[in-house]
Amino acid sequence: MDRIEDCISFLLGKAAHQVSRRAREKLARWGVTPTQYAVLKTLWEQNGQTGAAIGARLAIDSATITGLIDRLAAAGLLERRESPEDRRINLLYLTPRGRALQAPLDAAMDALNAEVAAELRRAGPTVRRALGRLGEDPGQHE
C-alpha cells in the first residue's frame, strides 16, 4: 500500500466517522446521541429490560450503559423500576416523553439510513452484505 488512503481500515473508519457525525446532527434537535437512540430503540422494541441486557445487545460495557441510562433518566426519557421478581434488579421503562420520541427519532435515522443505503447501492449489492459480515464477531461462526 503506497498511501494511507488506500488502506481499507482507514477508509472504513473515515466512512464510519462521517455516518456517525450525520447521525449526531440528525438527532441533536431532540438532545439525543446515537448511542442513546440505540438504548431507546431497544426499549421501544421491548419495554422493561435490564441495563445489562441492553448493554449486552448493543455491545456496551456496564460502566458506559450505566452512564447512558443515568443521562436518559435525567432527561426524563426513561425510568428505573424495581423488578417484581428480584428487587436487586432494576428494569428500564420508557416515560411518556421517551415513547413520544419514537416517531421523530426513527424518522431521522430512517432518513440517514436511506442516504447511506443509496450510496451503498451505487457501490453494488454485495457491499452491504460484506459490511455486515465484517461487523460480525468472528467467534460467533466457530
C-alpha atoms as a PDB file:
ATOM      1  CA  MET A   1       0.000   0.000   0.000  1.00  0.00           C
ATOM      2  CA  ASP A   2       1.504   3.293  -1.075  1.00  0.00           C
ATOM      3  CA  ARG A   3      -0.872   5.751   0.614  1.00  0.00           C
ATOM      4  CA  ILE A   4      -2.973   5.680   3.776  1.00  0.00           C
ATOM      5  CA  GLU A   5      -5.995   6.489   1.594  1.00  0.00           C
ATOM      6  CA  ASP A   6      -5.558   3.009   0.054  1.00  0.00           C
ATOM      7  CA  CYS A   7      -5.894   1.299   3.443  1.00  0.00           C
ATOM      8  CA  ILE A   8      -9.303  -0.368   3.899  1.00  0.00           C
ATOM      9  CA  SER A   9      -9.204   0.198   7.653  1.00  0.00           C
ATOM     10  CA  PHE A  10      -8.637   3.922   7.100  1.00  0.00           C
ATOM     11  CA  LEU A  11     -11.461   4.147   4.540  1.00  0.00           C
ATOM     12  CA  LEU A  12     -13.937   2.254   6.729  1.00  0.00           C
ATOM     13  CA  GLY A  13     -13.002   4.340   9.759  1.00  0.00           C
ATOM     14  CA  LYS A  14     -13.429   7.562   7.824  1.00  0.00           C
ATOM     15  CA  ALA A  15     -16.812   6.413   6.472  1.00  0.00           C
ATOM     16  CA  ALA A  16     -17.958   5.340   9.950  1.00  0.00           C
ATOM     17  CA  HIS A  17     -16.894   8.706  11.349  1.00  0.00           C
ATOM     18  CA  GLN A  18     -18.928  10.586   8.732  1.00  0.00           C
ATOM     19  CA  VAL A  19     -22.028   8.415   9.217  1.00  0.00           C
ATOM     20  CA  SER A  20     -21.745   8.887  13.000  1.00  0.00           C
ATOM     21  CA  ARG A  21     -21.377  12.649  12.548  1.00  0.00           C
ATOM     22  CA  ARG A  22     -24.519  12.732  10.385  1.00  0.00           C
ATOM     23  CA  ALA A  23     -26.402  10.666  12.971  1.00  0.00           C
ATOM     24  CA  ARG A  24     -25.397  13.124  15.725  1.00  0.00           C
ATOM     25  CA  GLU A  25     -26.575  16.026  13.559  1.00  0.00           C
ATOM     26  CA  LYS A  26     -29.921  14.373  12.787  1.00  0.00           C
ATOM     27  CA  LEU A  27     -30.628  13.540  16.453  1.00  0.00           C
ATOM     28  CA  ALA A  28     -29.289  16.759  18.010  1.00  0.00           C
ATOM     29  CA  ARG A  29     -32.626  18.552  17.667  1.00  0.00           C
ATOM     30  CA  TRP A  30     -34.029  16.229  20.344  1.00  0.00           C
ATOM     31  CA  GLY A  31     -30.915  16.252  22.552  1.00  0.00           C
ATOM     32  CA  VAL A  32     -30.271  12.548  21.942  1.00  0.00           C
ATOM     33  CA  THR A  33     -26.980  10.970  20.890  1.00  0.00           C
ATOM     34  CA  PRO A  34     -26.765   7.984  18.506  1.00  0.00           C
ATOM     35  CA  THR A  35     -25.911   5.638  21.387  1.00  0.00           C
ATOM     36  CA  GLN A  36     -28.797   6.988  23.472  1.00  0.00           C
ATOM     37  CA  TYR A  37     -31.032   6.419  20.438  1.00  0.00           C
ATOM     38  CA  ALA A  38     -29.872   2.783  20.346  1.00  0.00           C
ATOM     39  CA  VAL A  39     -30.866   2.337  24.010  1.00  0.00           C
ATOM     40  CA  LEU A  40     -34.262   3.929  23.386  1.00  0.00           C
ATOM     41  CA  LYS A  41     -34.752   1.784  20.271  1.00  0.00           C
ATOM     42  CA  THR A  42     -34.258  -1.408  22.281  1.00  0.00           C
ATOM     43  CA  LEU A  43     -36.874  -0.204  24.780  1.00  0.00           C
ATOM     44  CA  TRP A  44     -39.321   0.719  22.004  1.00  0.00           C
ATOM     45  CA  GLU A  45     -38.943  -2.871  20.824  1.00  0.00           C
ATOM     46  CA  GLN A  46     -39.371  -4.330  24.327  1.00  0.00           C
ATOM     47  CA  ASN A  47     -40.016  -2.133  27.329  1.00  0.00           C
ATOM     48  CA  GLY A  48     -38.931  -3.318  30.782  1.00  0.00           C
ATOM     49  CA  GLN A  49     -35.434  -4.646  30.092  1.00  0.00           C
ATOM     50  CA  THR A  50     -32.416  -4.566  32.360  1.00  0.00           C
ATOM     51  CA  GLY A  51     -29.480  -2.303  31.621  1.00  0.00           C
ATOM     52  CA  ALA A  52     -27.281  -5.408  31.445  1.00  0.00           C
ATOM     53  CA  ALA A  53     -29.460  -6.947  28.714  1.00  0.00           C
ATOM     54  CA  ILE A  54     -29.413  -3.732  26.689  1.00  0.00           C
ATOM     55  CA  GLY A  55     -25.665  -3.357  27.181  1.00  0.00           C
ATOM     56  CA  ALA A  56     -25.076  -6.935  26.012  1.00  0.00           C
ATOM     57  CA  ARG A  57     -27.229  -6.461  22.922  1.00  0.00           C
ATOM     58  CA  LEU A  58     -25.512  -3.196  21.984  1.00  0.00           C
ATOM     59  CA  ALA A  59     -22.011  -4.421  22.982  1.00  0.00           C
ATOM     60  CA  ILE A  60     -21.662  -1.628  25.557  1.00  0.00           C
ATOM     61  CA  ASP A  61     -19.741  -2.196  28.802  1.00  0.00           C
ATOM     62  CA  SER A  62     -21.536  -1.894  32.143  1.00  0.00           C
ATOM     63  CA  ALA A  63     -19.995   1.453  33.150  1.00  0.00           C
ATOM     64  CA  THR A  64     -20.949   3.039  29.830  1.00  0.00           C
ATOM     65  CA  ILE A  65     -24.507   1.662  29.816  1.00  0.00           C
ATOM     66  CA  THR A  66     -24.997   2.916  33.374  1.00  0.00           C
ATOM     67  CA  GLY A  67     -23.957   6.426  32.319  1.00  0.00           C
ATOM     68  CA  LEU A  68     -26.260   6.310  29.301  1.00  0.00           C
ATOM     69  CA  ILE A  69     -29.181   5.186  31.446  1.00  0.00           C
ATOM     70  CA  ASP A  70     -28.432   7.902  34.018  1.00  0.00           C
ATOM     71  CA  ARG A  71     -28.471  10.588  31.304  1.00  0.00           C
ATOM     72  CA  LEU A  72     -31.669   9.254  29.700  1.00  0.00           C
ATOM     73  CA  ALA A  73     -33.349   9.125  33.113  1.00  0.00           C
ATOM     74  CA  ALA A  74     -32.185  12.679  33.925  1.00  0.00           C
ATOM     75  CA  ALA A  75     -33.649  13.810  30.589  1.00  0.00           C
ATOM     76  CA  GLY A  76     -36.984  12.252  31.556  1.00  0.00           C
ATOM     77  CA  LEU A  77     -36.935   9.672  28.752  1.00  0.00           C
ATOM     78  CA  LEU A  78     -36.841   6.506  30.849  1.00  0.00           C
ATOM     79  CA  GLU A  79     -37.211   5.414  34.438  1.00  0.00           C
ATOM     80  CA  ARG A  80     -35.871   2.621  36.601  1.00  0.00           C
ATOM     81  CA  ARG A  81     -38.337   0.352  38.380  1.00  0.00           C
ATOM     82  CA  GLU A  82     -37.587  -2.422  40.801  1.00  0.00           C
ATOM     83  CA  SER A  83     -38.126  -5.896  39.349  1.00  0.00           C
ATOM     84  CA  PRO A  84     -41.129  -7.630  40.951  1.00  0.00           C
ATOM     85  CA  GLU A  85     -39.152 -10.918  40.939  1.00  0.00           C
ATOM     86  CA  ASP A  86     -35.862  -9.589  42.331  1.00  0.00           C
ATOM     87  CA  ARG A  87     -35.680  -6.198  43.999  1.00  0.00           C
ATOM     88  CA  ARG A  88     -31.898  -6.104  43.419  1.00  0.00           C
ATOM     89  CA  ILE A  89     -32.599  -5.688  39.702  1.00  0.00           C
ATOM     90  CA  ASN A  90     -33.889  -2.524  38.087  1.00  0.00           C
ATOM     91  CA  LEU A  91     -35.947  -2.710  34.922  1.00  0.00           C
ATOM     92  CA  LEU A  92     -35.972   0.187  32.480  1.00  0.00           C
ATOM     93  CA  TYR A  93     -39.224   1.646  31.218  1.00  0.00           C
ATOM     94  CA  LEU A  94     -39.881   4.460  28.802  1.00  0.00           C
ATOM     95  CA  THR A  95     -41.635   7.530  30.113  1.00  0.00           C
ATOM     96  CA  PRO A  96     -44.427   9.090  28.029  1.00  0.00           C
ATOM     97  CA  ARG A  97     -41.825  11.574  26.760  1.00  0.00           C
ATOM     98  CA  GLY A  98     -39.498   8.730  25.799  1.00  0.00           C
ATOM     99  CA  ARG A  99     -42.303   6.945  23.929  1.00  0.00           C
ATOM    100  CA  ALA A 100     -43.252  10.172  22.150  1.00  0.00           C
ATOM    101  CA  LEU A 101     -39.779  10.485  20.650  1.00  0.00           C
ATOM    102  CA  GLN A 102     -40.019   7.186  18.770  1.00  0.00           C
ATOM    103  CA  ALA A 103     -41.627   8.564  15.610  1.00  0.00           C
ATOM    104  CA  PRO A 104     -39.383  11.624  15.125  1.00  0.00           C
ATOM    105  CA  LEU A 105     -36.153   9.836  16.064  1.00  0.00           C
ATOM    106  CA  ASP A 106     -36.943   6.815  13.897  1.00  0.00           C
ATOM    107  CA  ALA A 107     -37.772   9.160  11.010  1.00  0.00           C
ATOM    108  CA  ALA A 108     -34.446  10.962  11.432  1.00  0.00           C
ATOM    109  CA  MET A 109     -32.500   7.710  11.476  1.00  0.00           C
ATOM    110  CA  ASP A 110     -34.561   6.258   8.605  1.00  0.00           C
ATOM    111  CA  ALA A 111     -33.562   9.299   6.546  1.00  0.00           C
ATOM    112  CA  LEU A 112     -29.894   8.738   7.366  1.00  0.00           C
ATOM    113  CA  ASN A 113     -30.177   5.025   6.606  1.00  0.00           C
ATOM    114  CA  ALA A 114     -31.766   5.854   3.239  1.00  0.00           C
ATOM    115  CA  GLU A 115     -28.874   8.217   2.398  1.00  0.00           C
ATOM    116  CA  VAL A 116     -26.257   5.615   3.285  1.00  0.00           C
ATOM    117  CA  ALA A 117     -28.178   2.778   1.589  1.00  0.00           C
ATOM    118  CA  ALA A 118     -28.387   4.816  -1.630  1.00  0.00           C
ATOM    119  CA  GLU A 119     -24.623   5.233  -1.598  1.00  0.00           C
ATOM    120  CA  LEU A 120     -24.092   1.528  -0.901  1.00  0.00           C
ATOM    121  CA  ARG A 121     -26.457   0.588  -3.754  1.00  0.00           C
ATOM    122  CA  ARG A 122     -24.311   2.657  -6.100  1.00  0.00           C
ATOM    123  CA  ALA A 123     -21.324   0.623  -4.930  1.00  0.00           C
ATOM    124  CA  GLY A 124     -23.034  -2.684  -5.688  1.00  0.00           C
ATOM    125  CA  PRO A 125     -25.351  -5.137  -3.930  1.00  0.00           C
ATOM    126  CA  THR A 126     -22.619  -7.177  -2.274  1.00  0.00           C
ATOM    127  CA  VAL A 127     -21.038  -4.229  -0.459  1.00  0.00           C
ATOM    128  CA  ARG A 128     -23.762  -4.001   2.181  1.00  0.00           C
ATOM    129  CA  ARG A 129     -23.613  -7.750   2.843  1.00  0.00           C
ATOM    130  CA  ALA A 130     -19.830  -7.583   3.092  1.00  0.00           C
ATOM    131  CA  LEU A 131     -20.026  -4.732   5.615  1.00  0.00           C
ATOM    132  CA  GLY A 132     -22.468  -6.771   7.676  1.00  0.00           C
ATOM    133  CA  ARG A 133     -20.138  -9.767   7.677  1.00  0.00           C
ATOM    134  CA  LEU A 134     -17.132  -7.601   8.555  1.00  0.00           C
ATOM    135  CA  GLY A 135     -19.040  -6.178  11.521  1.00  0.00           C
ATOM    136  CA  GLU A 136     -19.835  -9.602  12.980  1.00  0.00           C
ATOM    137  CA  ASP A 137     -17.967 -11.115  15.886  1.00  0.00           C
ATOM    138  CA  PRO A 138     -15.607 -13.698  14.344  1.00  0.00           C
ATOM    139  CA  GLY A 139     -16.240 -16.047  17.276  1.00  0.00           C
ATOM    140  CA  GLN A 140     -19.938 -16.410  16.510  1.00  0.00           C
ATOM    141  CA  HIS A 141     -19.240 -18.587  13.447  1.00  0.00           C
ATOM    142  CA  GLU A 142     -16.926 -21.081  15.146  1.00  0.00           C
END
